[in-house]
Amino acid sequence: MSYPCTRCGLCCQKIQYVPELKNFHNGNGICLYFKADVGCTIYQERPLVCRIDEGYEQLFNNQFSLTDYYLKNAEVCNYMQLEAELPSHYRVKLKDG
């Protein structure tokens, strides 16, 4: 199982709240490597904090279960999507198991 990202791009546009990414934006919160028409232009080399599954294994597996980590990420994703009034097909839906 991996995190079911819907590729809305909002997490790349609000990085001002992520201390590990302070050098990845010019004060506007939008990642320097995010392009609206393409997405992440450094996807294969993106920071660990941007990699949900790898980030969990290396940073958070001693703090949360994988299920709880996914649930918290989905909660944040869906909140940002609602706030930005994105269409509902972008909502992250977690399946049991």
PDB file of N, CA and C in Angstrom:
ATOM      1  N   MET A   1       0.851  -1.183   0.000  1.00  0.00           N
ATOM      2  CA  MET A   1       0.000   0.000   0.000  1.00  0.00           C
ATOM      3  C   MET A   1       0.892   1.240   0.000  1.00  0.00           C
ATOM      4  N   SER A   2       0.536   2.199  -0.806  1.00  0.00           N
ATOM      5  CA  SER A   2       1.230   3.483  -0.781  1.00  0.00           C
ATOM      6  C   SER A   2       0.179   4.587  -0.677  1.00  0.00           C
ATOM      7  N   TYR A   3       0.635   5.762  -0.308  1.00  0.00           N
ATOM      8  CA  TYR A   3      -0.283   6.879  -0.113  1.00  0.00           C
ATOM      9  C   TYR A   3      -0.942   7.252  -1.437  1.00  0.00           C
ATOM     10  N   PRO A   4      -2.270   7.389  -1.457  1.00  0.00           N
ATOM     11  CA  PRO A   4      -2.998   7.659  -2.707  1.00  0.00           C
ATOM     12  C   PRO A   4      -3.054   9.149  -3.075  1.00  0.00           C
ATOM     13  N   CYS A   5      -1.903   9.718  -3.330  1.00  0.00           N
ATOM     14  CA  CYS A   5      -1.826  11.135  -3.708  1.00  0.00           C
ATOM     15  C   CYS A   5      -2.632  11.371  -4.982  1.00  0.00           C
ATOM     16  N   THR A   6      -3.382  12.464  -5.010  1.00  0.00           N
ATOM     17  CA  THR A   6      -4.191  12.792  -6.192  1.00  0.00           C
ATOM     18  C   THR A   6      -3.530  13.859  -7.065  1.00  0.00           C
ATOM     19  N   ARG A   7      -2.314  14.236  -6.729  1.00  0.00           N
ATOM     20  CA  ARG A   7      -1.504  15.154  -7.541  1.00  0.00           C
ATOM     21  C   ARG A   7      -2.156  16.527  -7.748  1.00  0.00           C
ATOM     22  N   CYS A   8      -2.796  17.028  -6.715  1.00  0.00           N
ATOM     23  CA  CYS A   8      -3.404  18.361  -6.830  1.00  0.00           C
ATOM     24  C   CYS A   8      -2.352  19.465  -6.794  1.00  0.00           C
ATOM     25  N   GLY A   9      -1.206  19.206  -6.179  1.00  0.00           N
ATOM     26  CA  GLY A   9      -0.124  20.180  -6.131  1.00  0.00           C
ATOM     27  C   GLY A   9      -0.187  21.177  -4.989  1.00  0.00           C
ATOM     28  N   LEU A  10      -1.223  21.120  -4.171  1.00  0.00           N
ATOM     29  CA  LEU A  10      -1.344  22.115  -3.102  1.00  0.00           C
ATOM     30  C   LEU A  10      -0.235  22.012  -2.066  1.00  0.00           C
ATOM     31  N   CYS A  11       0.232  20.807  -1.785  1.00  0.00           N
ATOM     32  CA  CYS A  11       1.312  20.678  -0.804  1.00  0.00           C
ATOM     33  C   CYS A  11       2.579  21.368  -1.298  1.00  0.00           C
ATOM     34  N   CYS A  12       2.754  21.471  -2.596  1.00  0.00           N
ATOM     35  CA  CYS A  12       3.917  22.146  -3.189  1.00  0.00           C
ATOM     36  C   CYS A  12       3.738  23.662  -3.208  1.00  0.00           C
ATOM     37  N   GLN A  13       2.520  24.106  -2.940  1.00  0.00           N
ATOM     38  CA  GLN A  13       2.228  25.534  -2.995  1.00  0.00           C
ATOM     39  C   GLN A  13       2.046  26.160  -1.614  1.00  0.00           C
ATOM     40  N   LYS A  14       2.249  25.354  -0.567  1.00  0.00           N
ATOM     41  CA  LYS A  14       2.096  25.854   0.802  1.00  0.00           C
ATOM     42  C   LYS A  14       3.245  25.358   1.673  1.00  0.00           C
ATOM     43  N   ILE A  15       4.449  25.403   1.144  1.00  0.00           N
ATOM     44  CA  ILE A  15       5.581  24.836   1.880  1.00  0.00           C
ATOM     45  C   ILE A  15       6.141  25.772   2.945  1.00  0.00           C
ATOM     46  N   GLN A  16       5.615  26.980   3.054  1.00  0.00           N
ATOM     47  CA  GLN A  16       6.103  27.908   4.065  1.00  0.00           C
ATOM     48  C   GLN A  16       5.885  27.379   5.476  1.00  0.00           C
ATOM     49  N   TYR A  17       5.018  26.381   5.633  1.00  0.00           N
ATOM     50  CA  TYR A  17       4.738  25.809   6.946  1.00  0.00           C
ATOM     51  C   TYR A  17       5.630  24.613   7.271  1.00  0.00           C
ATOM     52  N   VAL A  18       6.536  24.267   6.360  1.00  0.00           N
ATOM     53  CA  VAL A  18       7.400  23.094   6.536  1.00  0.00           C
ATOM     54  C   VAL A  18       8.839  23.580   6.731  1.00  0.00           C
ATOM     55  N   PRO A  19       9.334  23.563   7.972  1.00  0.00           N
ATOM     56  CA  PRO A  19      10.673  24.093   8.240  1.00  0.00           C
ATOM     57  C   PRO A  19      11.771  23.480   7.365  1.00  0.00           C
ATOM     58  N   GLU A  20      11.656  22.195   7.067  1.00  0.00           N
ATOM     59  CA  GLU A  20      12.676  21.518   6.254  1.00  0.00           C
ATOM     60  C   GLU A  20      12.741  22.056   4.826  1.00  0.00           C
ATOM     61  N   LEU A  21      11.730  22.804   4.415  1.00  0.00           N
ATOM     62  CA  LEU A  21      11.678  23.313   3.041  1.00  0.00           C
ATOM     63  C   LEU A  21      11.869  24.828   2.963  1.00  0.00           C
ATOM     64  N   LYS A  22      12.405  25.419   4.023  1.00  0.00           N
ATOM     65  CA  LYS A  22      12.531  26.884   4.060  1.00  0.00           C
ATOM     66  C   LYS A  22      13.376  27.447   2.927  1.00  0.00           C
ATOM     67  N   ASN A  23      14.304  26.679   2.391  1.00  0.00           N
ATOM     68  CA  ASN A  23      15.153  27.159   1.295  1.00  0.00           C
ATOM     69  C   ASN A  23      14.614  26.795  -0.083  1.00  0.00           C
ATOM     70  N   PHE A  24      13.399  26.274  -0.126  1.00  0.00           N
ATOM     71  CA  PHE A  24      12.816  25.850  -1.396  1.00  0.00           C
ATOM     72  C   PHE A  24      11.773  26.831  -1.931  1.00  0.00           C
ATOM     73  N   HIS A  25      11.599  27.983  -1.268  1.00  0.00           N
ATOM     74  CA  HIS A  25      10.671  29.004  -1.778  1.00  0.00           C
ATOM     75  C   HIS A  25      11.237  30.387  -1.503  1.00  0.00           C
ATOM     76  N   ASN A  26      10.703  31.368  -2.173  1.00  0.00           N
ATOM     77  CA  ASN A  26      11.181  32.750  -2.050  1.00  0.00           C
ATOM     78  C   ASN A  26      10.305  33.591  -1.134  1.00  0.00           C
ATOM     79  N   GLY A  27       9.695  32.964  -0.145  1.00  0.00           N
ATOM     80  CA  GLY A  27       8.840  33.699   0.774  1.00  0.00           C
ATOM     81  C   GLY A  27       7.374  33.655   0.412  1.00  0.00           C
ATOM     82  N   ASN A  28       7.053  33.128  -0.760  1.00  0.00           N
ATOM     83  CA  ASN A  28       5.652  33.055  -1.177  1.00  0.00           C
ATOM     84  C   ASN A  28       5.016  31.704  -0.869  1.00  0.00           C
ATOM     85  N   GLY A  29       5.805  30.747  -0.387  1.00  0.00           N
ATOM     86  CA  GLY A  29       5.285  29.437  -0.035  1.00  0.00           C
ATOM     87  C   GLY A  29       5.196  28.451  -1.171  1.00  0.00           C
ATOM     88  N   ILE A  30       5.405  28.897  -2.391  1.00  0.00           N
ATOM     89  CA  ILE A  30       5.348  27.990  -3.547  1.00  0.00           C
ATOM     90  C   ILE A  30       6.744  27.461  -3.823  1.00  0.00           C
ATOM     91  N   CYS A  31       6.866  26.160  -3.897  1.00  0.00           N
ATOM     92  CA  CYS A  31       8.162  25.540  -4.150  1.00  0.00           C
ATOM     93  C   CYS A  31       8.749  26.052  -5.463  1.00  0.00           C
ATOM     94  N   LEU A  32      10.029  26.353  -5.423  1.00  0.00           N
ATOM     95  CA  LEU A  32      10.730  26.820  -6.623  1.00  0.00           C
ATOM     96  C   LEU A  32      10.689  25.792  -7.746  1.00  0.00           C
ATOM     97  N   TYR A  33      10.501  24.531  -7.378  1.00  0.00           N
ATOM     98  CA  TYR A  33      10.541  23.442  -8.356  1.00  0.00           C
ATOM     99  C   TYR A  33       9.158  22.961  -8.781  1.00  0.00           C
ATOM    100  N   PHE A  34       8.120  23.660  -8.353  1.00  0.00           N
ATOM    101  CA  PHE A  34       6.754  23.303  -8.742  1.00  0.00           C
ATOM    102  C   PHE A  34       6.320  24.147  -9.931  1.00  0.00           C
ATOM    103  N   LYS A  35       5.840  23.486 -10.954  1.00  0.00           N
ATOM    104  CA  LYS A  35       5.280  24.158 -12.129  1.00  0.00           C
ATOM    105  C   LYS A  35       3.847  23.655 -12.287  1.00  0.00           C
ATOM    106  N   ALA A  36       2.891  24.558 -12.336  1.00  0.00           N
ATOM    107  CA  ALA A  36       1.473  24.194 -12.364  1.00  0.00           C
ATOM    108  C   ALA A  36       1.126  23.226 -13.483  1.00  0.00           C
ATOM    109  N   ASP A  37       1.747  23.369 -14.631  1.00  0.00           N
ATOM    110  CA  ASP A  37       1.415  22.509 -15.766  1.00  0.00           C
ATOM    111  C   ASP A  37       2.166  21.182 -15.770  1.00  0.00           C
ATOM    112  N   VAL A  38       3.161  21.041 -14.902  1.00  0.00           N
ATOM    113  CA  VAL A  38       4.004  19.836 -14.882  1.00  0.00           C
ATOM    114  C   VAL A  38       3.977  19.133 -13.531  1.00  0.00           C
ATOM    115  N   GLY A  39       3.931  19.915 -12.467  1.00  0.00           N
ATOM    116  CA  GLY A  39       4.064  19.370 -11.124  1.00  0.00           C
ATOM    117  C   GLY A  39       5.490  19.580 -10.637  1.00  0.00           C
ATOM    118  N   CYS A  40       6.003  18.628  -9.909  1.00  0.00           N
ATOM    119  CA  CYS A  40       7.344  18.726  -9.348  1.00  0.00           C
ATOM    120  C   CYS A  40       8.384  18.463 -10.429  1.00  0.00           C
ATOM    121  N   THR A  41       9.259  19.433 -10.630  1.00  0.00           N
ATOM    122  CA  THR A  41      10.283  19.274 -11.666  1.00  0.00           C
ATOM    123  C   THR A  41      11.521  18.552 -11.147  1.00  0.00           C
ATOM    124  N   ILE A  42      11.556  18.253  -9.843  1.00  0.00           N
ATOM    125  CA  ILE A  42      12.654  17.464  -9.275  1.00  0.00           C
ATOM    126  C   ILE A  42      12.096  16.224  -8.571  1.00  0.00           C
ATOM    127  N   TYR A  43      11.023  15.681  -9.104  1.00  0.00           N
ATOM    128  CA  TYR A  43      10.293  14.604  -8.443  1.00  0.00           C
ATOM    129  C   TYR A  43      11.202  13.462  -7.986  1.00  0.00           C
ATOM    130  N   GLN A  44      12.088  12.994  -8.835  1.00  0.00           N
ATOM    131  CA  GLN A  44      12.959  11.872  -8.478  1.00  0.00           C
ATOM    132  C   GLN A  44      13.986  12.253  -7.411  1.00  0.00           C
ATOM    133  N   GLU A  45      14.282  13.538  -7.258  1.00  0.00           N
ATOM    134  CA  GLU A  45      15.265  14.009  -6.287  1.00  0.00           C
ATOM    135  C   GLU A  45      14.644  14.881  -5.199  1.00  0.00           C
ATOM    136  N   ARG A  46      13.338  14.867  -5.075  1.00  0.00           N
ATOM    137  CA  ARG A  46      12.670  15.757  -4.120  1.00  0.00           C
ATOM    138  C   ARG A  46      13.092  15.421  -2.681  1.00  0.00           C
ATOM    139  N   PRO A  47      12.981  16.390  -1.778  1.00  0.00           N
ATOM    140  CA  PRO A  47      13.378  16.178  -0.383  1.00  0.00           C
ATOM    141  C   PRO A  47      12.591  15.042   0.275  1.00  0.00           C
ATOM    142  N   LEU A  48      13.218  14.436   1.265  1.00  0.00           N
ATOM    143  CA  LEU A  48      12.600  13.315   1.973  1.00  0.00           C
ATOM    144  C   LEU A  48      11.245  13.690   2.560  1.00  0.00           C
ATOM    145  N   VAL A  49      11.107  14.882   3.084  1.00  0.00           N
ATOM    146  CA  VAL A  49       9.842  15.303   3.692  1.00  0.00           C
ATOM    147  C   VAL A  49       8.709  15.356   2.658  1.00  0.00           C
ATOM    148  N   CYS A  50       9.048  15.434   1.389  1.00  0.00           N
ATOM    149  CA  CYS A  50       8.051  15.439   0.310  1.00  0.00           C
ATOM    150  C   CYS A  50       7.676  14.030  -0.144  1.00  0.00           C
ATOM    151  N   ARG A  51       8.345  13.041   0.360  1.00  0.00           N
ATOM    152  CA  ARG A  51       8.108  11.641  -0.028  1.00  0.00           C
ATOM    153  C   ARG A  51       7.323  10.968   1.100  1.00  0.00           C
ATOM    154  N   ILE A  52       6.040  10.854   0.927  1.00  0.00           N
ATOM    155  CA  ILE A  52       5.189  10.370   2.025  1.00  0.00           C
ATOM    156  C   ILE A  52       5.643   9.008   2.546  1.00  0.00           C
ATOM    157  N   ASP A  53       5.779   8.035   1.676  1.00  0.00           N
ATOM    158  CA  ASP A  53       6.117   6.689   2.141  1.00  0.00           C
ATOM    159  C   ASP A  53       7.544   6.596   2.671  1.00  0.00           C
ATOM    160  N   GLU A  54       8.508   7.118   1.942  1.00  0.00           N
ATOM    161  CA  GLU A  54       9.897   7.093   2.410  1.00  0.00           C
ATOM    162  C   GLU A  54      10.070   7.965   3.648  1.00  0.00           C
ATOM    163  N   GLY A  55       9.400   9.100   3.667  1.00  0.00           N
ATOM    164  CA  GLY A  55       9.456   9.978   4.828  1.00  0.00           C
ATOM    165  C   GLY A  55       8.935   9.287   6.076  1.00  0.00           C
ATOM    166  N   TYR A  56       7.868   8.533   5.916  1.00  0.00           N
ATOM    167  CA  TYR A  56       7.337   7.786   7.056  1.00  0.00           C
ATOM    168  C   TYR A  56       8.384   6.810   7.579  1.00  0.00           C
ATOM    169  N   GLU A  57       8.949   6.015   6.682  1.00  0.00           N
ATOM    170  CA  GLU A  57       9.923   4.996   7.092  1.00  0.00           C
ATOM    171  C   GLU A  57      11.133   5.599   7.796  1.00  0.00           C
ATOM    172  N   GLN A  58      11.620   6.724   7.306  1.00  0.00           N
ATOM    173  CA  GLN A  58      12.859   7.285   7.838  1.00  0.00           C
ATOM    174  C   GLN A  58      12.668   8.335   8.931  1.00  0.00           C
ATOM    175  N   LEU A  59      11.507   8.951   8.989  1.00  0.00           N
ATOM    176  CA  LEU A  59      11.322  10.046   9.941  1.00  0.00           C
ATOM    177  C   LEU A  59      10.245   9.816  10.997  1.00  0.00           C
ATOM    178  N   PHE A  60       9.191   9.107  10.655  1.00  0.00           N
ATOM    179  CA  PHE A  60       8.026   9.086  11.534  1.00  0.00           C
ATOM    180  C   PHE A  60       7.565   7.709  12.007  1.00  0.00           C
ATOM    181  N   ASN A  61       8.211   6.638  11.582  1.00  0.00           N
ATOM    182  CA  ASN A  61       7.687   5.310  11.917  1.00  0.00           C
ATOM    183  C   ASN A  61       7.746   4.998  13.408  1.00  0.00           C
ATOM    184  N   ASN A  62       8.515   5.750  14.168  1.00  0.00           N
ATOM    185  CA  ASN A  62       8.546   5.537  15.618  1.00  0.00           C
ATOM    186  C   ASN A  62       7.548   6.443  16.350  1.00  0.00           C
ATOM    187  N   GLN A  63       6.819   7.269  15.597  1.00  0.00           N
ATOM    188  CA  GLN A  63       5.856   8.188  16.202  1.00  0.00           C
ATOM    189  C   GLN A  63       4.404   7.845  15.898  1.00  0.00           C
ATOM    190  N   PHE A  64       4.157   7.225  14.743  1.00  0.00           N
ATOM    191  CA  PHE A  64       2.794   6.920  14.294  1.00  0.00           C
ATOM    192  C   PHE A  64       2.773   5.554  13.631  1.00  0.00           C
ATOM    193  N   SER A  65       1.601   4.950  13.603  1.00  0.00           N
ATOM    194  CA  SER A  65       1.423   3.785  12.730  1.00  0.00           C
ATOM    195  C   SER A  65       1.299   4.322  11.307  1.00  0.00           C
ATOM    196  N   LEU A  66       1.551   3.486  10.321  1.00  0.00           N
ATOM    197  CA  LEU A  66       1.427   3.920   8.932  1.00  0.00           C
ATOM    198  C   LEU A  66      -0.001   4.378   8.638  1.00  0.00           C
ATOM    199  N   THR A  67      -0.975   3.668   9.167  1.00  0.00           N
ATOM    200  CA  THR A  67      -2.378   4.038   8.963  1.00  0.00           C
ATOM    201  C   THR A  67      -2.665   5.426   9.529  1.00  0.00           C
ATOM    202  N   ASP A  68      -2.202   5.684  10.748  1.00  0.00           N
ATOM    203  CA  ASP A  68      -2.423   7.002  11.355  1.00  0.00           C
ATOM    204  C   ASP A  68      -1.701   8.100  10.589  1.00  0.00           C
ATOM    205  N   TYR A  69      -0.514   7.799  10.090  1.00  0.00           N
ATOM    206  CA  TYR A  69       0.256   8.763   9.300  1.00  0.00           C
ATOM    207  C   TYR A  69      -0.481   9.103   8.007  1.00  0.00           C
ATOM    208  N   TYR A  70      -0.985   8.084   7.329  1.00  0.00           N
ATOM    209  CA  TYR A  70      -1.776   8.310   6.113  1.00  0.00           C
ATOM    210  C   TYR A  70      -3.037   9.113   6.422  1.00  0.00           C
ATOM    211  N   LEU A  71      -3.717   8.773   7.515  1.00  0.00           N
ATOM    212  CA  LEU A  71      -4.937   9.493   7.885  1.00  0.00           C
ATOM    213  C   LEU A  71      -4.662  10.969   8.146  1.00  0.00           C
ATOM    214  N   LYS A  72      -3.577  11.267   8.851  1.00  0.00           N
ATOM    215  CA  LYS A  72      -3.235  12.659   9.138  1.00  0.00           C
ATOM    216  C   LYS A  72      -2.883  13.397   7.850  1.00  0.00           C
ATOM    217  N   ASN A  73      -2.121  12.762   6.968  1.00  0.00           N
ATOM    218  CA  ASN A  73      -1.787  13.387   5.688  1.00  0.00           C
ATOM    219  C   ASN A  73      -3.041  13.624   4.855  1.00  0.00           C
ATOM    220  N   ALA A  74      -3.945  12.658   4.825  1.00  0.00           N
ATOM    221  CA  ALA A  74      -5.189  12.807   4.064  1.00  0.00           C
ATOM    222  C   ALA A  74      -6.033  13.944   4.637  1.00  0.00           C
ATOM    223  N   GLU A  75      -6.066  14.053   5.954  1.00  0.00           N
ATOM    224  CA  GLU A  75      -6.818  15.129   6.599  1.00  0.00           C
ATOM    225  C   GLU A  75      -6.277  16.497   6.166  1.00  0.00           C
ATOM    226  N   VAL A  76      -4.968  16.648   6.170  1.00  0.00           N
ATOM    227  CA  VAL A  76      -4.348  17.915   5.767  1.00  0.00           C
ATOM    228  C   VAL A  76      -4.586  18.179   4.282  1.00  0.00           C
ATOM    229  N   CYS A  77      -4.379  17.160   3.454  1.00  0.00           N
ATOM    230  CA  CYS A  77      -4.604  17.312   2.006  1.00  0.00           C
ATOM    231  C   CYS A  77      -6.034  17.756   1.725  1.00  0.00           C
ATOM    232  N   ASN A  78      -6.977  17.043   2.293  1.00  0.00           N
ATOM    233  CA  ASN A  78      -8.383  17.340   2.025  1.00  0.00           C
ATOM    234  C   ASN A  78      -8.789  18.715   2.561  1.00  0.00           C
ATOM    235  N   TYR A  79      -8.224  19.114   3.689  1.00  0.00           N
ATOM    236  CA  TYR A  79      -8.503  20.449   4.225  1.00  0.00           C
ATOM    237  C   TYR A  79      -8.013  21.519   3.248  1.00  0.00           C
ATOM    238  N   MET A  80      -6.768  21.364   2.768  1.00  0.00           N
ATOM    239  CA  MET A  80      -6.228  22.346   1.818  1.00  0.00           C
ATOM    240  C   MET A  80      -7.057  22.383   0.540  1.00  0.00           C
ATOM    241  N   GLN A  81      -7.525  21.222   0.098  1.00  0.00           N
ATOM    242  CA  GLN A  81      -8.331  21.167  -1.126  1.00  0.00           C
ATOM    243  C   GLN A  81      -9.679  21.854  -0.940  1.00  0.00           C
ATOM    244  N   LEU A  82     -10.303  21.631   0.198  1.00  0.00           N
ATOM    245  CA  LEU A  82     -11.574  22.309   0.483  1.00  0.00           C
ATOM    246  C   LEU A  82     -11.374  23.817   0.557  1.00  0.00           C
ATOM    247  N   GLU A  83     -10.316  24.226   1.245  1.00  0.00           N
ATOM    248  CA  GLU A  83     -10.015  25.650   1.382  1.00  0.00           C
ATOM    249  C   GLU A  83      -9.766  26.303   0.018  1.00  0.00           C
ATOM    250  N   ALA A  84      -9.118  25.567  -0.883  1.00  0.00           N
ATOM    251  CA  ALA A  84      -8.817  26.081  -2.222  1.00  0.00           C
ATOM    252  C   ALA A  84      -9.974  25.873  -3.197  1.00  0.00           C
ATOM    253  N   GLU A  85     -11.050  25.248  -2.715  1.00  0.00           N
ATOM    254  CA  GLU A  85     -12.240  24.961  -3.523  1.00  0.00           C
ATOM    255  C   GLU A  85     -11.927  24.120  -4.761  1.00  0.00           C
ATOM    256  N   LEU A  86     -11.043  23.134  -4.577  1.00  0.00           N
ATOM    257  CA  LEU A  86     -10.759  22.203  -5.672  1.00  0.00           C
ATOM    258  C   LEU A  86     -11.931  21.246  -5.847  1.00  0.00           C
ATOM    259  N   PRO A  87     -12.130  20.731  -7.040  1.00  0.00           N
ATOM    260  CA  PRO A  87     -13.199  19.758  -7.274  1.00  0.00           C
ATOM    261  C   PRO A  87     -13.025  18.523  -6.378  1.00  0.00           C
ATOM    262  N   SER A  88     -14.115  17.899  -6.042  1.00  0.00           N
ATOM    263  CA  SER A  88     -14.091  16.774  -5.101  1.00  0.00           C
ATOM    264  C   SER A  88     -13.310  15.567  -5.605  1.00  0.00           C
ATOM    265  N   HIS A  89     -13.091  15.441  -6.907  1.00  0.00           N
ATOM    266  CA  HIS A  89     -12.337  14.277  -7.388  1.00  0.00           C
ATOM    267  C   HIS A  89     -10.876  14.309  -6.932  1.00  0.00           C
ATOM    268  N   TYR A  90     -10.410  15.438  -6.412  1.00  0.00           N
ATOM    269  CA  TYR A  90      -9.052  15.515  -5.866  1.00  0.00           C
ATOM    270  C   TYR A  90      -8.953  14.992  -4.434  1.00  0.00           C
ATOM    271  N   ARG A  91     -10.065  14.803  -3.742  1.00  0.00           N
ATOM    272  CA  ARG A  91     -10.011  14.377  -2.342  1.00  0.00           C
ATOM    273  C   ARG A  91      -9.285  13.046  -2.213  1.00  0.00           C
ATOM    274  N   VAL A  92      -8.471  12.969  -1.178  1.00  0.00           N
ATOM    275  CA  VAL A  92      -7.742  11.736  -0.883  1.00  0.00           C
ATOM    276  C   VAL A  92      -8.696  10.792  -0.174  1.00  0.00           C
ATOM    277  N   LYS A  93      -8.811   9.597  -0.704  1.00  0.00           N
ATOM    278  CA  LYS A  93      -9.670   8.575  -0.113  1.00  0.00           C
ATOM    279  C   LYS A  93      -8.798   7.392   0.271  1.00  0.00           C
ATOM    280  N   LEU A  94      -8.858   7.024   1.540  1.00  0.00           N
ATOM    281  CA  LEU A  94      -8.085   5.886   2.017  1.00  0.00           C
ATOM    282  C   LEU A  94      -8.968   4.656   2.056  1.00  0.00           C
ATOM    283  N   LYS A  95      -8.413   3.565   1.592  1.00  0.00           N
ATOM    284  CA  LYS A  95      -9.130   2.292   1.630  1.00  0.00           C
ATOM    285  C   LYS A  95      -8.682   1.519   2.849  1.00  0.00           C
ATOM    286  N   ASP A  96      -9.581   0.749   3.440  1.00  0.00           N
ATOM    287  CA  ASP A  96      -9.220  -0.094   4.582  1.00  0.00           C
ATOM    288  C   ASP A  96      -8.244  -1.156   4.128  1.00  0.00           C
ATOM    289  N   GLY A  97      -7.293  -1.446   5.058  1.00  0.00           N
ATOM    290  CA  GLY A  97      -6.346  -2.521   4.776  1.00  0.00           C
ATOM    291  C   GLY A  97      -5.197  -1.983   4.135  1.00  0.00           C
TER     292      GLY A  97
END
